[in-house]
Amino acid sequence: MENFDHQIVREFRDRLDAMMPVLDLRVFGSRARGNAQEDSDLDIFLKVPELDRPLREQIYDLAWEIGFKYDRIISTFVVTEDQITAGAVGASPVLAKILEEGIAV
């Protein structure tokens, strides 16, 4: 992951930590692999203890705000621990790939 992307993720993480507990945050996709194009988005996986509509909207708004500031589209994949352990998300090959290859921040 490039230093510029790391700077963006660090600010995103710091702002999230001030809003809510974050159990896990990982960058995944082309930016984590180092083969991103100039217009590639920044994919971020978040695991939080609980998630409701207002909190999800706060996360999306923050991603938009920071993405706008740095001219980078931030795409978030947000899940709860319960969704991973007791829901279909836990069996997702996408989640397995994120946990295997994602860069924890």
N, C-alpha and C. Protein backbone atom coordinates (compact mmCIF):
# COMPACT_ATOMS: atom_id res chain seq x y z
N MET A 1 0.85 -1.17 0.00
CA MET A 1 0.00 0.00 0.00
C MET A 1 0.89 1.24 0.00
N GLU A 2 0.53 2.19 -0.84
CA GLU A 2 1.31 3.43 -0.94
C GLU A 2 1.16 4.29 0.31
N ASN A 3 2.16 5.14 0.56
CA ASN A 3 2.13 6.02 1.73
C ASN A 3 0.91 6.95 1.73
N PHE A 4 0.54 7.45 0.54
CA PHE A 4 -0.61 8.35 0.46
C PHE A 4 -1.88 7.63 0.90
N ASP A 5 -2.06 6.39 0.45
CA ASP A 5 -3.23 5.62 0.87
C ASP A 5 -3.18 5.33 2.37
N HIS A 6 -2.01 5.05 2.87
CA HIS A 6 -1.87 4.80 4.31
C HIS A 6 -2.27 6.05 5.10
N GLN A 7 -1.90 7.22 4.62
CA GLN A 7 -2.27 8.47 5.27
C GLN A 7 -3.79 8.63 5.31
N ILE A 8 -4.45 8.34 4.20
CA ILE A 8 -5.91 8.43 4.12
C ILE A 8 -6.55 7.47 5.11
N VAL A 9 -6.08 6.24 5.12
CA VAL A 9 -6.65 5.22 6.01
C VAL A 9 -6.41 5.57 7.46
N ARG A 10 -5.24 6.10 7.77
CA ARG A 10 -4.94 6.48 9.15
C ARG A 10 -5.91 7.56 9.63
N GLU A 11 -6.18 8.57 8.79
CA GLU A 11 -7.13 9.61 9.18
C GLU A 11 -8.53 9.01 9.33
N PHE A 12 -8.92 8.15 8.41
CA PHE A 12 -10.23 7.50 8.49
C PHE A 12 -10.34 6.70 9.80
N ARG A 13 -9.30 5.93 10.12
CA ARG A 13 -9.30 5.13 11.34
C ARG A 13 -9.37 6.02 12.58
N ASP A 14 -8.58 7.06 12.62
CA ASP A 14 -8.58 7.97 13.77
C ASP A 14 -9.96 8.59 13.98
N ARG A 15 -10.59 9.03 12.92
CA ARG A 15 -11.92 9.63 13.02
C ARG A 15 -12.96 8.60 13.43
N LEU A 16 -12.86 7.38 12.91
CA LEU A 16 -13.77 6.30 13.32
C LEU A 16 -13.61 5.98 14.80
N ASP A 17 -12.37 5.87 15.25
CA ASP A 17 -12.11 5.54 16.65
C ASP A 17 -12.74 6.57 17.59
N ALA A 18 -12.85 7.81 17.16
CA ALA A 18 -13.48 8.85 17.97
C ALA A 18 -15.00 8.71 18.00
N MET A 19 -15.56 8.00 17.01
CA MET A 19 -17.01 7.85 16.89
C MET A 19 -17.53 6.55 17.51
N MET A 20 -16.74 5.47 17.42
CA MET A 20 -17.24 4.14 17.77
C MET A 20 -16.07 3.19 17.98
N PRO A 21 -16.32 2.06 18.63
CA PRO A 21 -15.27 1.05 18.70
C PRO A 21 -15.12 0.36 17.32
N VAL A 22 -13.90 0.19 16.90
CA VAL A 22 -13.61 -0.53 15.66
C VAL A 22 -12.83 -1.78 16.05
N LEU A 23 -13.40 -2.94 15.76
CA LEU A 23 -12.76 -4.21 16.11
C LEU A 23 -11.69 -4.61 15.11
N ASP A 24 -11.88 -4.25 13.87
CA ASP A 24 -10.92 -4.60 12.82
C ASP A 24 -11.10 -3.64 11.67
N LEU A 25 -10.00 -3.18 11.09
CA LEU A 25 -10.02 -2.35 9.90
C LEU A 25 -8.90 -2.84 9.00
N ARG A 26 -9.25 -3.18 7.76
CA ARG A 26 -8.27 -3.67 6.79
C ARG A 26 -8.50 -3.03 5.44
N VAL A 27 -7.42 -2.74 4.77
CA VAL A 27 -7.47 -2.30 3.38
C VAL A 27 -7.33 -3.55 2.53
N PHE A 28 -8.18 -3.66 1.52
CA PHE A 28 -8.12 -4.81 0.63
C PHE A 28 -8.28 -4.35 -0.81
N GLY A 29 -8.15 -5.26 -1.71
CA GLY A 29 -8.30 -4.93 -3.13
C GLY A 29 -7.01 -4.45 -3.75
N SER A 30 -7.16 -3.76 -4.87
CA SER A 30 -5.99 -3.38 -5.68
C SER A 30 -5.02 -2.46 -4.95
N ARG A 31 -5.51 -1.58 -4.10
CA ARG A 31 -4.61 -0.68 -3.38
C ARG A 31 -3.79 -1.45 -2.35
N ALA A 32 -4.37 -2.45 -1.72
CA ALA A 32 -3.63 -3.29 -0.77
C ALA A 32 -2.61 -4.16 -1.52
N ARG A 33 -3.00 -4.63 -2.70
CA ARG A 33 -2.10 -5.49 -3.48
C ARG A 33 -0.98 -4.69 -4.16
N GLY A 34 -1.19 -3.38 -4.31
CA GLY A 34 -0.18 -2.55 -4.96
C GLY A 34 -0.30 -2.50 -6.47
N ASN A 35 -1.46 -2.92 -7.00
CA ASN A 35 -1.62 -2.87 -8.47
C ASN A 35 -2.79 -1.97 -8.87
N ALA A 36 -3.06 -0.95 -8.07
CA ALA A 36 -4.17 -0.02 -8.34
C ALA A 36 -3.84 0.90 -9.50
N GLN A 37 -4.88 1.29 -10.19
CA GLN A 37 -4.78 2.33 -11.21
C GLN A 37 -5.02 3.67 -10.52
N GLU A 38 -4.76 4.76 -11.21
CA GLU A 38 -4.94 6.09 -10.63
C GLU A 38 -6.35 6.30 -10.10
N ASP A 39 -7.36 5.78 -10.82
CA ASP A 39 -8.75 6.00 -10.42
C ASP A 39 -9.35 4.84 -9.61
N SER A 40 -8.53 3.92 -9.15
CA SER A 40 -9.04 2.81 -8.34
C SER A 40 -9.54 3.31 -7.00
N ASP A 41 -10.60 2.67 -6.51
CA ASP A 41 -11.10 3.07 -5.19
C ASP A 41 -10.24 2.46 -4.10
N LEU A 42 -10.46 2.94 -2.90
CA LEU A 42 -9.76 2.45 -1.71
C LEU A 42 -10.76 1.61 -0.93
N ASP A 43 -10.60 0.30 -0.97
CA ASP A 43 -11.52 -0.63 -0.32
C ASP A 43 -11.13 -0.83 1.14
N ILE A 44 -12.10 -0.59 2.03
CA ILE A 44 -11.84 -0.72 3.46
C ILE A 44 -12.88 -1.64 4.09
N PHE A 45 -12.39 -2.66 4.79
CA PHE A 45 -13.22 -3.58 5.57
C PHE A 45 -13.25 -3.10 7.01
N LEU A 46 -14.44 -3.06 7.58
CA LEU A 46 -14.61 -2.65 8.98
C LEU A 46 -15.44 -3.70 9.71
N LYS A 47 -14.96 -4.09 10.88
CA LYS A 47 -15.76 -4.93 11.78
C LYS A 47 -16.03 -4.10 13.03
N VAL A 48 -17.32 -3.95 13.34
CA VAL A 48 -17.76 -3.16 14.48
C VAL A 48 -18.64 -4.03 15.38
N PRO A 49 -18.76 -3.68 16.67
CA PRO A 49 -19.57 -4.51 17.57
C PRO A 49 -21.04 -4.53 17.21
N GLU A 50 -21.59 -3.36 16.87
CA GLU A 50 -23.00 -3.23 16.52
C GLU A 50 -23.12 -2.26 15.36
N LEU A 51 -24.21 -2.44 14.61
CA LEU A 51 -24.39 -1.59 13.44
C LEU A 51 -25.88 -1.37 13.21
N ASP A 52 -26.28 -0.10 13.17
CA ASP A 52 -27.64 0.25 12.81
C ASP A 52 -27.57 1.26 11.67
N ARG A 53 -28.72 1.63 11.16
CA ARG A 53 -28.75 2.53 10.00
C ARG A 53 -28.04 3.86 10.26
N PRO A 54 -28.30 4.55 11.40
CA PRO A 54 -27.60 5.82 11.62
C PRO A 54 -26.07 5.67 11.68
N LEU A 55 -25.59 4.60 12.30
CA LEU A 55 -24.15 4.40 12.36
C LEU A 55 -23.58 4.09 10.98
N ARG A 56 -24.28 3.26 10.21
CA ARG A 56 -23.83 2.97 8.84
C ARG A 56 -23.75 4.26 8.03
N GLU A 57 -24.75 5.12 8.18
CA GLU A 57 -24.74 6.39 7.44
C GLU A 57 -23.59 7.28 7.88
N GLN A 58 -23.26 7.29 9.18
CA GLN A 58 -22.11 8.06 9.67
C GLN A 58 -20.82 7.56 9.03
N ILE A 59 -20.68 6.24 8.93
CA ILE A 59 -19.48 5.65 8.33
C ILE A 59 -19.39 6.05 6.85
N TYR A 60 -20.49 5.93 6.12
CA TYR A 60 -20.50 6.30 4.70
C TYR A 60 -20.21 7.80 4.52
N ASP A 61 -20.80 8.62 5.38
CA ASP A 61 -20.56 10.07 5.29
C ASP A 61 -19.09 10.40 5.55
N LEU A 62 -18.51 9.74 6.54
CA LEU A 62 -17.10 9.97 6.85
C LEU A 62 -16.21 9.52 5.68
N ALA A 63 -16.54 8.37 5.10
CA ALA A 63 -15.77 7.87 3.95
C ALA A 63 -15.86 8.88 2.80
N TRP A 64 -17.04 9.42 2.57
CA TRP A 64 -17.20 10.40 1.49
C TRP A 64 -16.39 11.66 1.81
N GLU A 65 -16.49 12.15 3.04
CA GLU A 65 -15.80 13.38 3.44
C GLU A 65 -14.29 13.25 3.27
N ILE A 66 -13.73 12.17 3.77
CA ILE A 66 -12.28 11.99 3.67
C ILE A 66 -11.87 11.69 2.23
N GLY A 67 -12.68 10.90 1.54
CA GLY A 67 -12.40 10.65 0.13
C GLY A 67 -12.40 11.92 -0.69
N PHE A 68 -13.34 12.80 -0.43
CA PHE A 68 -13.42 14.08 -1.13
C PHE A 68 -12.19 14.92 -0.84
N LYS A 69 -11.78 14.92 0.42
CA LYS A 69 -10.60 15.70 0.83
C LYS A 69 -9.36 15.25 0.07
N TYR A 70 -9.20 13.95 -0.13
CA TYR A 70 -8.00 13.40 -0.76
C TYR A 70 -8.21 12.98 -2.21
N ASP A 71 -9.37 13.27 -2.77
CA ASP A 71 -9.69 12.91 -4.15
C ASP A 71 -9.53 11.40 -4.38
N ARG A 72 -10.12 10.64 -3.48
CA ARG A 72 -10.05 9.18 -3.54
C ARG A 72 -11.42 8.62 -3.14
N ILE A 73 -11.96 7.74 -3.94
CA ILE A 73 -13.22 7.09 -3.58
C ILE A 73 -12.92 6.01 -2.55
N ILE A 74 -13.60 6.09 -1.41
CA ILE A 74 -13.44 5.09 -0.35
C ILE A 74 -14.69 4.23 -0.34
N SER A 75 -14.51 2.94 -0.56
CA SER A 75 -15.62 1.97 -0.52
C SER A 75 -15.48 1.16 0.76
N THR A 76 -16.56 1.09 1.52
CA THR A 76 -16.50 0.38 2.79
C THR A 76 -17.33 -0.89 2.75
N PHE A 77 -16.83 -1.91 3.41
CA PHE A 77 -17.53 -3.18 3.63
C PHE A 77 -17.60 -3.32 5.14
N VAL A 78 -18.78 -3.05 5.71
CA VAL A 78 -18.94 -2.97 7.16
C VAL A 78 -19.77 -4.15 7.65
N VAL A 79 -19.24 -4.85 8.66
CA VAL A 79 -19.93 -6.00 9.24
C VAL A 79 -19.79 -5.97 10.75
N THR A 80 -20.66 -6.75 11.39
CA THR A 80 -20.55 -6.94 12.84
C THR A 80 -19.98 -8.32 13.12
N GLU A 81 -19.52 -8.50 14.33
CA GLU A 81 -19.02 -9.82 14.75
C GLU A 81 -20.11 -10.87 14.58
N ASP A 82 -21.35 -10.54 14.96
CA ASP A 82 -22.46 -11.49 14.83
C ASP A 82 -22.71 -11.87 13.37
N GLN A 83 -22.60 -10.93 12.46
CA GLN A 83 -22.79 -11.25 11.05
C GLN A 83 -21.74 -12.23 10.55
N ILE A 84 -20.54 -12.13 11.10
CA ILE A 84 -19.48 -13.04 10.69
C ILE A 84 -19.67 -14.42 11.31
N THR A 85 -19.98 -14.47 12.60
CA THR A 85 -20.07 -15.76 13.28
C THR A 85 -21.38 -16.48 13.06
N ALA A 86 -22.48 -15.75 12.88
CA ALA A 86 -23.78 -16.41 12.79
C ALA A 86 -24.52 -16.12 11.48
N GLY A 87 -23.94 -15.36 10.60
CA GLY A 87 -24.62 -15.00 9.36
C GLY A 87 -23.91 -15.53 8.12
N ALA A 88 -24.52 -15.25 7.00
CA ALA A 88 -23.97 -15.71 5.72
C ALA A 88 -22.63 -15.04 5.38
N VAL A 89 -22.40 -13.86 5.93
CA VAL A 89 -21.14 -13.15 5.65
C VAL A 89 -19.94 -14.01 6.03
N GLY A 90 -20.07 -14.74 7.13
CA GLY A 90 -18.96 -15.57 7.60
C GLY A 90 -18.53 -16.63 6.62
N ALA A 91 -19.42 -17.06 5.75
CA ALA A 91 -19.10 -18.09 4.76
C ALA A 91 -18.69 -17.51 3.42
N SER A 92 -18.65 -16.20 3.33
CA SER A 92 -18.35 -15.54 2.06
C SER A 92 -16.89 -15.71 1.66
N PRO A 93 -16.65 -16.12 0.41
CA PRO A 93 -15.26 -16.17 -0.07
C PRO A 93 -14.62 -14.79 -0.12
N VAL A 94 -15.42 -13.75 -0.28
CA VAL A 94 -14.89 -12.39 -0.27
C VAL A 94 -14.30 -12.08 1.10
N LEU A 95 -15.04 -12.42 2.16
CA LEU A 95 -14.54 -12.18 3.51
C LEU A 95 -13.27 -12.99 3.75
N ALA A 96 -13.23 -14.22 3.31
CA ALA A 96 -12.04 -15.05 3.50
C ALA A 96 -10.83 -14.40 2.83
N LYS A 97 -11.02 -13.86 1.64
CA LYS A 97 -9.93 -13.19 0.91
C LYS A 97 -9.49 -11.92 1.63
N ILE A 98 -10.45 -11.16 2.15
CA ILE A 98 -10.11 -9.93 2.88
C ILE A 98 -9.28 -10.27 4.11
N LEU A 99 -9.71 -11.28 4.86
CA LEU A 99 -8.99 -11.64 6.07
C LEU A 99 -7.62 -12.23 5.77
N GLU A 100 -7.49 -12.86 4.63
CA GLU A 100 -6.20 -13.45 4.23
C GLU A 100 -5.24 -12.42 3.68
N GLU A 101 -5.72 -11.53 2.83
CA GLU A 101 -4.84 -10.62 2.10
C GLU A 101 -4.92 -9.16 2.56
N GLY A 102 -5.94 -8.82 3.33
CA GLY A 102 -6.13 -7.42 3.73
C GLY A 102 -5.00 -6.95 4.64
N ILE A 103 -4.73 -5.66 4.56
CA ILE A 103 -3.70 -5.05 5.39
C ILE A 103 -4.37 -4.39 6.58
N ALA A 104 -4.07 -4.88 7.77
CA ALA A 104 -4.67 -4.32 8.99
C ALA A 104 -4.06 -2.95 9.30
N VAL A 105 -4.93 -2.03 9.67
CA VAL A 105 -4.48 -0.67 10.01
C VAL A 105 -5.04 -0.32 11.37
